[in-house]
């Protein structure tokens, strides 16, 4: 029984390593970021972090505003993390 449990734990660890990370969890965006930074990040992705895997999208100004507002509005409104 212990051998089977150890094997299952090994397999689950291997599977978790294979899961590709799509992007950051943005639920705590309000606790971590200044909302004025989000549009800049969307428009200047590679200037902010040249090694990022996030593509540089060609958003219009209205699209940037809408996406930034959506990200901000979806964030939790809890107090800031320590």
PDB file of N, CA and C in Angstrom:
ATOM      1  N   UNK A   1       0.827  -1.205   0.000  1.00  0.00           N
ATOM      2  CA  UNK A   1       0.000   0.000   0.000  1.00  0.00           C
ATOM      3  C   UNK A   1       0.870   1.267   0.000  1.00  0.00           C
ATOM      4  N   UNK A   2       1.928   1.271   0.815  1.00  0.00           N
ATOM      5  CA  UNK A   2       2.819   2.432   0.865  1.00  0.00           C
ATOM      6  C   UNK A   2       3.518   2.650  -0.477  1.00  0.00           C
ATOM      7  N   UNK A   3       3.854   1.566  -1.143  1.00  0.00           N
ATOM      8  CA  UNK A   3       4.517   1.652  -2.442  1.00  0.00           C
ATOM      9  C   UNK A   3       3.588   2.283  -3.472  1.00  0.00           C
ATOM     10  N   UNK A   4       2.320   1.874  -3.441  1.00  0.00           N
ATOM     11  CA  UNK A   4       1.344   2.429  -4.385  1.00  0.00           C
ATOM     12  C   UNK A   4       1.125   3.914  -4.115  1.00  0.00           C
ATOM     13  N   UNK A   5       1.051   4.282  -2.848  1.00  0.00           N
ATOM     14  CA  UNK A   5       0.860   5.683  -2.486  1.00  0.00           C
ATOM     15  C   UNK A   5       2.053   6.528  -2.949  1.00  0.00           C
ATOM     16  N   UNK A   6       3.249   6.011  -2.735  1.00  0.00           N
ATOM     17  CA  UNK A   6       4.451   6.728  -3.163  1.00  0.00           C
ATOM     18  C   UNK A   6       4.468   6.895  -4.683  1.00  0.00           C
ATOM     19  N   UNK A   7       4.056   5.870  -5.401  1.00  0.00           N
ATOM     20  CA  UNK A   7       4.019   5.938  -6.863  1.00  0.00           C
ATOM     21  C   UNK A   7       2.982   6.962  -7.341  1.00  0.00           C
ATOM     22  N   UNK A   8       1.829   6.983  -6.693  1.00  0.00           N
ATOM     23  CA  UNK A   8       0.799   7.964  -7.049  1.00  0.00           C
ATOM     24  C   UNK A   8       1.281   9.389  -6.785  1.00  0.00           C
ATOM     25  N   UNK A   9       1.962   9.583  -5.682  1.00  0.00           N
ATOM     26  CA  UNK A   9       2.492  10.914  -5.374  1.00  0.00           C
ATOM     27  C   UNK A   9       3.534  11.325  -6.400  1.00  0.00           C
ATOM     28  N   UNK A  10       4.392  10.399  -6.813  1.00  0.00           N
ATOM     29  CA  UNK A  10       5.403  10.692  -7.827  1.00  0.00           C
ATOM     30  C   UNK A  10       4.753  11.062  -9.145  1.00  0.00           C
ATOM     31  N   UNK A  11       3.734  10.298  -9.540  1.00  0.00           N
ATOM     32  CA  UNK A  11       3.037  10.582 -10.803  1.00  0.00           C
ATOM     33  C   UNK A  11       2.325  11.926 -10.765  1.00  0.00           C
ATOM     34  N   UNK A  12       1.670  12.235  -9.644  1.00  0.00           N
ATOM     35  CA  UNK A  12       0.947  13.508  -9.560  1.00  0.00           C
ATOM     36  C   UNK A  12       1.929  14.676  -9.618  1.00  0.00           C
ATOM     37  N   UNK A  13       3.095  14.519  -8.986  1.00  0.00           N
ATOM     38  CA  UNK A  13       4.109  15.576  -9.043  1.00  0.00           C
ATOM     39  C   UNK A  13       4.578  15.775 -10.482  1.00  0.00           C
ATOM     40  N   UNK A  14       4.790  14.698 -11.192  1.00  0.00           N
ATOM     41  CA  UNK A  14       5.224  14.766 -12.595  1.00  0.00           C
ATOM     42  C   UNK A  14       4.164  15.456 -13.449  1.00  0.00           C
ATOM     43  N   UNK A  15       2.900  15.113 -13.218  1.00  0.00           N
ATOM     44  CA  UNK A  15       1.825  15.746 -13.994  1.00  0.00           C
ATOM     45  C   UNK A  15       1.746  17.239 -13.715  1.00  0.00           C
ATOM     46  N   UNK A  16       1.907  17.630 -12.462  1.00  0.00           N
ATOM     47  CA  UNK A  16       1.859  19.055 -12.131  1.00  0.00           C
ATOM     48  C   UNK A  16       3.000  19.816 -12.791  1.00  0.00           C
ATOM     49  N   UNK A  17       4.148  19.190 -12.938  1.00  0.00           N
ATOM     50  CA  UNK A  17       5.268  19.838 -13.609  1.00  0.00           C
ATOM     51  C   UNK A  17       4.980  20.039 -15.090  1.00  0.00           C
ATOM     52  N   UNK A  18       4.180  19.170 -15.667  1.00  0.00           N
ATOM     53  CA  UNK A  18       3.887  19.242 -17.093  1.00  0.00           C
ATOM     54  C   UNK A  18       2.847  20.296 -17.445  1.00  0.00           C
ATOM     55  N   UNK A  19       2.063  20.730 -16.456  1.00  0.00           N
ATOM     56  CA  UNK A  19       1.037  21.740 -16.710  1.00  0.00           C
ATOM     57  C   UNK A  19       1.729  23.065 -17.023  1.00  0.00           C
ATOM     58  N   UNK A  20       1.418  23.637 -18.163  1.00  0.00           N
ATOM     59  CA  UNK A  20       2.044  24.891 -18.564  1.00  0.00           C
ATOM     60  C   UNK A  20       1.298  26.065 -17.938  1.00  0.00           C
ATOM     61  N   UNK A  21       2.050  26.989 -17.431  1.00  0.00           N
ATOM     62  CA  UNK A  21       1.470  28.187 -16.843  1.00  0.00           C
ATOM     63  C   UNK A  21       1.050  29.127 -17.968  1.00  0.00           C
ATOM     64  N   UNK A  22      -0.204  29.499 -17.981  1.00  0.00           N
ATOM     65  CA  UNK A  22      -0.727  30.355 -19.032  1.00  0.00           C
ATOM     66  C   UNK A  22      -0.427  31.821 -18.743  1.00  0.00           C
ATOM     67  N   UNK A  23      -0.566  32.223 -17.522  1.00  0.00           N
ATOM     68  CA  UNK A  23      -0.331  33.606 -17.156  1.00  0.00           C
ATOM     69  C   UNK A  23      -0.492  33.796 -15.666  1.00  0.00           C
ATOM     70  N   UNK A  24      -0.221  34.989 -15.184  1.00  0.00           N
ATOM     71  CA  UNK A  24      -0.327  35.234 -13.750  1.00  0.00           C
ATOM     72  C   UNK A  24      -1.779  35.252 -13.290  1.00  0.00           C
ATOM     73  N   UNK A  25      -1.974  34.916 -12.040  1.00  0.00           N
ATOM     74  CA  UNK A  25      -3.296  34.999 -11.433  1.00  0.00           C
ATOM     75  C   UNK A  25      -3.538  36.470 -11.095  1.00  0.00           C
ATOM     76  N   UNK A  26      -4.551  37.046 -11.682  1.00  0.00           N
ATOM     77  CA  UNK A  26      -4.801  38.478 -11.517  1.00  0.00           C
ATOM     78  C   UNK A  26      -5.858  38.796 -10.470  1.00  0.00           C
ATOM     79  N   UNK A  27      -6.277  37.804  -9.696  1.00  0.00           N
ATOM     80  CA  UNK A  27      -7.337  38.070  -8.720  1.00  0.00           C
ATOM     81  C   UNK A  27      -6.894  39.036  -7.619  1.00  0.00           C
ATOM     82  N   UNK A  28      -5.587  39.138  -7.356  1.00  0.00           N
ATOM     83  CA  UNK A  28      -5.101  40.041  -6.311  1.00  0.00           C
ATOM     84  C   UNK A  28      -4.492  41.313  -6.892  1.00  0.00           C
ATOM     85  N   UNK A  29      -4.883  41.644  -8.112  1.00  0.00           N
ATOM     86  CA  UNK A  29      -4.322  42.797  -8.810  1.00  0.00           C
ATOM     87  C   UNK A  29      -4.494  44.088  -8.011  1.00  0.00           C
ATOM     88  N   UNK A  30      -5.620  44.254  -7.352  1.00  0.00           N
ATOM     89  CA  UNK A  30      -5.865  45.492  -6.594  1.00  0.00           C
ATOM     90  C   UNK A  30      -4.973  45.602  -5.372  1.00  0.00           C
ATOM     91  N   UNK A  31      -4.511  44.471  -4.877  1.00  0.00           N
ATOM     92  CA  UNK A  31      -3.660  44.486  -3.697  1.00  0.00           C
ATOM     93  C   UNK A  31      -2.191  44.620  -4.058  1.00  0.00           C
ATOM     94  N   UNK A  32      -1.857  44.363  -5.323  1.00  0.00           N
ATOM     95  CA  UNK A  32      -0.450  44.330  -5.723  1.00  0.00           C
ATOM     96  C   UNK A  32      -0.029  45.473  -6.629  1.00  0.00           C
ATOM     97  N   UNK A  33      -0.964  46.057  -7.361  1.00  0.00           N
ATOM     98  CA  UNK A  33      -0.600  47.020  -8.401  1.00  0.00           C
ATOM     99  C   UNK A  33      -1.307  48.352  -8.243  1.00  0.00           C
ATOM    100  N   UNK A  34      -0.744  49.343  -8.880  1.00  0.00           N
ATOM    101  CA  UNK A  34      -1.398  50.627  -9.045  1.00  0.00           C
ATOM    102  C   UNK A  34      -2.209  50.520 -10.336  1.00  0.00           C
ATOM    103  N   UNK A  35      -3.477  50.889 -10.304  1.00  0.00           N
ATOM    104  CA  UNK A  35      -4.328  50.702 -11.486  1.00  0.00           C
ATOM    105  C   UNK A  35      -3.851  51.499 -12.696  1.00  0.00           C
ATOM    106  N   UNK A  36      -3.096  52.569 -12.486  1.00  0.00           N
ATOM    107  CA  UNK A  36      -2.573  53.358 -13.604  1.00  0.00           C
ATOM    108  C   UNK A  36      -1.442  52.641 -14.340  1.00  0.00           C
ATOM    109  N   UNK A  37      -0.888  51.618 -13.730  1.00  0.00           N
ATOM    110  CA  UNK A  37       0.206  50.867 -14.337  1.00  0.00           C
ATOM    111  C   UNK A  37      -0.299  49.861 -15.368  1.00  0.00           C
ATOM    112  N   UNK A  38      -1.506  49.367 -15.214  1.00  0.00           N
ATOM    113  CA  UNK A  38      -2.024  48.301 -16.077  1.00  0.00           C
ATOM    114  C   UNK A  38      -2.049  48.703 -17.556  1.00  0.00           C
ATOM    115  N   UNK A  39      -2.581  49.862 -17.927  1.00  0.00           N
ATOM    116  CA  UNK A  39      -2.550  50.228 -19.356  1.00  0.00           C
ATOM    117  C   UNK A  39      -1.125  50.296 -19.917  1.00  0.00           C
ATOM    118  N   UNK A  40      -0.199  50.828 -19.126  1.00  0.00           N
ATOM    119  CA  UNK A  40       1.191  50.897 -19.594  1.00  0.00           C
ATOM    120  C   UNK A  40       1.729  49.494 -19.858  1.00  0.00           C
ATOM    121  N   UNK A  41       1.471  48.580 -18.936  1.00  0.00           N
ATOM    122  CA  UNK A  41       1.922  47.191 -19.077  1.00  0.00           C
ATOM    123  C   UNK A  41       1.351  46.561 -20.347  1.00  0.00           C
ATOM    124  N   UNK A  42       0.072  46.802 -20.627  1.00  0.00           N
ATOM    125  CA  UNK A  42      -0.557  46.230 -21.818  1.00  0.00           C
ATOM    126  C   UNK A  42       0.043  46.789 -23.113  1.00  0.00           C
ATOM    127  N   UNK A  43       0.418  48.056 -23.094  1.00  0.00           N
ATOM    128  CA  UNK A  43       0.947  48.697 -24.296  1.00  0.00           C
ATOM    129  C   UNK A  43       2.461  48.529 -24.467  1.00  0.00           C
ATOM    130  N   UNK A  44       3.181  48.247 -23.390  1.00  0.00           N
ATOM    131  CA  UNK A  44       4.648  48.196 -23.417  1.00  0.00           C
ATOM    132  C   UNK A  44       5.166  46.924 -22.753  1.00  0.00           C
ATOM    133  N   UNK A  45       4.586  45.818 -23.093  1.00  0.00           N
ATOM    134  CA  UNK A  45       4.907  44.547 -22.446  1.00  0.00           C
ATOM    135  C   UNK A  45       6.403  44.244 -22.435  1.00  0.00           C
ATOM    136  N   UNK A  46       7.049  44.354 -23.568  1.00  0.00           N
ATOM    137  CA  UNK A  46       8.459  43.981 -23.666  1.00  0.00           C
ATOM    138  C   UNK A  46       9.406  45.060 -23.154  1.00  0.00           C
ATOM    139  N   UNK A  47       8.941  46.277 -23.065  1.00  0.00           N
ATOM    140  CA  UNK A  47       9.760  47.322 -22.445  1.00  0.00           C
ATOM    141  C   UNK A  47       9.841  47.086 -20.947  1.00  0.00           C
ATOM    142  N   UNK A  48       8.719  46.661 -20.378  1.00  0.00           N
ATOM    143  CA  UNK A  48       8.687  46.409 -18.940  1.00  0.00           C
ATOM    144  C   UNK A  48       9.517  45.189 -18.580  1.00  0.00           C
ATOM    145  N   UNK A  49       9.342  44.105 -19.315  1.00  0.00           N
ATOM    146  CA  UNK A  49      10.096  42.870 -19.065  1.00  0.00           C
ATOM    147  C   UNK A  49      10.476  42.260 -20.409  1.00  0.00           C
ATOM    148  N   UNK A  50      11.682  42.541 -20.895  1.00  0.00           N
ATOM    149  CA  UNK A  50      12.103  42.050 -22.219  1.00  0.00           C
ATOM    150  C   UNK A  50      12.046  40.537 -22.383  1.00  0.00           C
ATOM    151  N   UNK A  51      12.175  39.788 -21.306  1.00  0.00           N
ATOM    152  CA  UNK A  51      12.193  38.324 -21.406  1.00  0.00           C
ATOM    153  C   UNK A  51      10.809  37.688 -21.260  1.00  0.00           C
ATOM    154  N   UNK A  52       9.767  38.501 -21.182  1.00  0.00           N
ATOM    155  CA  UNK A  52       8.427  37.949 -20.982  1.00  0.00           C
ATOM    156  C   UNK A  52       7.989  37.081 -22.158  1.00  0.00           C
ATOM    157  N   UNK A  53       7.154  36.097 -21.861  1.00  0.00           N
ATOM    158  CA  UNK A  53       6.592  35.260 -22.921  1.00  0.00           C
ATOM    159  C   UNK A  53       5.299  35.853 -23.468  1.00  0.00           C
ATOM    160  N   UNK A  54       4.790  36.872 -22.774  1.00  0.00           N
ATOM    161  CA  UNK A  54       3.550  37.512 -23.217  1.00  0.00           C
ATOM    162  C   UNK A  54       3.802  38.260 -24.516  1.00  0.00           C
ATOM    163  N   UNK A  55       2.986  38.024 -25.519  1.00  0.00           N
ATOM    164  CA  UNK A  55       3.173  38.744 -26.780  1.00  0.00           C
ATOM    165  C   UNK A  55       2.814  40.219 -26.637  1.00  0.00           C
ATOM    166  N   UNK A  56       3.347  41.025 -27.514  1.00  0.00           N
ATOM    167  CA  UNK A  56       2.982  42.438 -27.561  1.00  0.00           C
ATOM    168  C   UNK A  56       1.802  42.578 -28.501  1.00  0.00           C
ATOM    169  N   UNK A  57       0.623  42.768 -27.948  1.00  0.00           N
ATOM    170  CA  UNK A  57      -0.585  42.900 -28.751  1.00  0.00           C
ATOM    171  C   UNK A  57      -0.676  44.298 -29.339  1.00  0.00           C
ATOM    172  N   UNK A  58      -1.399  44.422 -30.408  1.00  0.00           N
ATOM    173  CA  UNK A  58      -1.604  45.722 -31.054  1.00  0.00           C
ATOM    174  C   UNK A  58      -3.001  46.228 -30.723  1.00  0.00           C
ATOM    175  N   UNK A  59      -3.175  46.581 -29.477  1.00  0.00           N
ATOM    176  CA  UNK A  59      -4.468  47.071 -29.016  1.00  0.00           C
ATOM    177  C   UNK A  59      -4.651  48.537 -29.392  1.00  0.00           C
ATOM    178  N   UNK A  60      -5.895  48.912 -29.642  1.00  0.00           N
ATOM    179  CA  UNK A  60      -6.218  50.325 -29.797  1.00  0.00           C
ATOM    180  C   UNK A  60      -6.280  50.937 -28.395  1.00  0.00           C
ATOM    181  N   UNK A  61      -6.299  52.259 -28.327  1.00  0.00           N
ATOM    182  CA  UNK A  61      -6.404  52.922 -27.017  1.00  0.00           C
ATOM    183  C   UNK A  61      -7.667  52.503 -26.282  1.00  0.00           C
ATOM    184  N   UNK A  62      -8.776  52.391 -27.001  1.00  0.00           N
ATOM    185  CA  UNK A  62     -10.040  51.981 -26.377  1.00  0.00           C
ATOM    186  C   UNK A  62      -9.966  50.548 -25.861  1.00  0.00           C
ATOM    187  N   UNK A  63      -9.294  49.673 -26.596  1.00  0.00           N
ATOM    188  CA  UNK A  63      -9.141  48.291 -26.144  1.00  0.00           C
ATOM    189  C   UNK A  63      -8.284  48.216 -24.881  1.00  0.00           C
ATOM    190  N   UNK A  64      -7.225  48.992 -24.849  1.00  0.00           N
ATOM    191  CA  UNK A  64      -6.358  49.016 -23.664  1.00  0.00           C
ATOM    192  C   UNK A  64      -7.155  49.474 -22.450  1.00  0.00           C
ATOM    193  N   UNK A  65      -7.928  50.535 -22.599  1.00  0.00           N
ATOM    194  CA  UNK A  65      -8.740  51.041 -21.487  1.00  0.00           C
ATOM    195  C   UNK A  65      -9.750  50.001 -21.028  1.00  0.00           C
ATOM    196  N   UNK A  66     -10.387  49.324 -21.975  1.00  0.00           N
ATOM    197  CA  UNK A  66     -11.393  48.321 -21.625  1.00  0.00           C
ATOM    198  C   UNK A  66     -10.768  47.114 -20.916  1.00  0.00           C
ATOM    199  N   UNK A  67      -9.642  46.644 -21.412  1.00  0.00           N
ATOM    200  CA  UNK A  67      -8.973  45.495 -20.797  1.00  0.00           C
ATOM    201  C   UNK A  67      -8.461  45.859 -19.408  1.00  0.00           C
ATOM    202  N   UNK A  68      -7.856  47.029 -19.280  1.00  0.00           N
ATOM    203  CA  UNK A  68      -7.353  47.477 -17.977  1.00  0.00           C
ATOM    204  C   UNK A  68      -8.492  47.597 -16.972  1.00  0.00           C
ATOM    205  N   UNK A  69      -9.618  48.156 -17.399  1.00  0.00           N
ATOM    206  CA  UNK A  69     -10.780  48.280 -16.513  1.00  0.00           C
ATOM    207  C   UNK A  69     -11.302  46.906 -16.108  1.00  0.00           C
ATOM    208  N   UNK A  70     -11.352  45.983 -17.047  1.00  0.00           N
ATOM    209  CA  UNK A  70     -11.824  44.636 -16.741  1.00  0.00           C
ATOM    210  C   UNK A  70     -10.904  43.962 -15.719  1.00  0.00           C
ATOM    211  N   UNK A  71      -9.601  44.036 -15.949  1.00  0.00           N
ATOM    212  CA  UNK A  71      -8.650  43.420 -15.018  1.00  0.00           C
ATOM    213  C   UNK A  71      -8.819  44.011 -13.625  1.00  0.00           C
ATOM    214  N   UNK A  72      -8.917  45.330 -13.548  1.00  0.00           N
ATOM    215  CA  UNK A  72      -9.037  46.002 -12.252  1.00  0.00           C
ATOM    216  C   UNK A  72     -10.356  45.633 -11.560  1.00  0.00           C
ATOM    217  N   UNK A  73     -11.436  45.610 -12.300  1.00  0.00           N
ATOM    218  CA  UNK A  73     -12.747  45.325 -11.719  1.00  0.00           C
ATOM    219  C   UNK A  73     -12.884  43.880 -11.259  1.00  0.00           C
ATOM    220  N   UNK A  74     -12.131  42.965 -11.867  1.00  0.00           N
ATOM    221  CA  UNK A  74     -12.211  41.557 -11.487  1.00  0.00           C
ATOM    222  C   UNK A  74     -11.370  41.241 -10.254  1.00  0.00           C
ATOM    223  N   UNK A  75     -10.513  42.158  -9.839  1.00  0.00           N
ATOM    224  CA  UNK A  75      -9.639  41.921  -8.693  1.00  0.00           C
ATOM    225  C   UNK A  75     -10.403  41.920  -7.387  1.00  0.00           C
ATOM    226  N   UNK A  76      -9.866  41.200  -6.424  1.00  0.00           N
ATOM    227  CA  UNK A  76     -10.435  41.170  -5.089  1.00  0.00           C
ATOM    228  C   UNK A  76     -10.241  42.522  -4.431  1.00  0.00           C
ATOM    229  N   UNK A  77     -11.118  42.863  -3.499  1.00  0.00           N
ATOM    230  CA  UNK A  77     -11.031  44.162  -2.844  1.00  0.00           C
ATOM    231  C   UNK A  77     -10.609  44.022  -1.381  1.00  0.00           C
ATOM    232  N   UNK A  78      -9.881  42.983  -1.078  1.00  0.00           N
ATOM    233  CA  UNK A  78      -9.389  42.772   0.285  1.00  0.00           C
ATOM    234  C   UNK A  78      -8.279  43.763   0.607  1.00  0.00           C
ATOM    235  N   UNK A  79      -7.899  43.841   1.887  1.00  0.00           N
ATOM    236  CA  UNK A  79      -6.774  44.713   2.224  1.00  0.00           C
ATOM    237  C   UNK A  79      -5.482  44.199   1.608  1.00  0.00           C
ATOM    238  N   UNK A  80      -4.490  45.072   1.421  1.00  0.00           N
ATOM    239  CA  UNK A  80      -3.231  44.668   0.803  1.00  0.00           C
ATOM    240  C   UNK A  80      -2.548  43.535   1.560  1.00  0.00           C
ATOM    241  N   UNK A  81      -1.818  42.705   0.796  1.00  0.00           N
ATOM    242  CA  UNK A  81      -1.042  41.627   1.395  1.00  0.00           C
ATOM    243  C   UNK A  81       0.189  42.218   2.077  1.00  0.00           C
ATOM    244  N   UNK A  82       0.690  41.520   3.070  1.00  0.00           N
ATOM    245  CA  UNK A  82       1.907  41.983   3.770  1.00  0.00           C
ATOM    246  C   UNK A  82       3.117  41.755   2.897  1.00  0.00           C
TER     247      UNK A  82
END
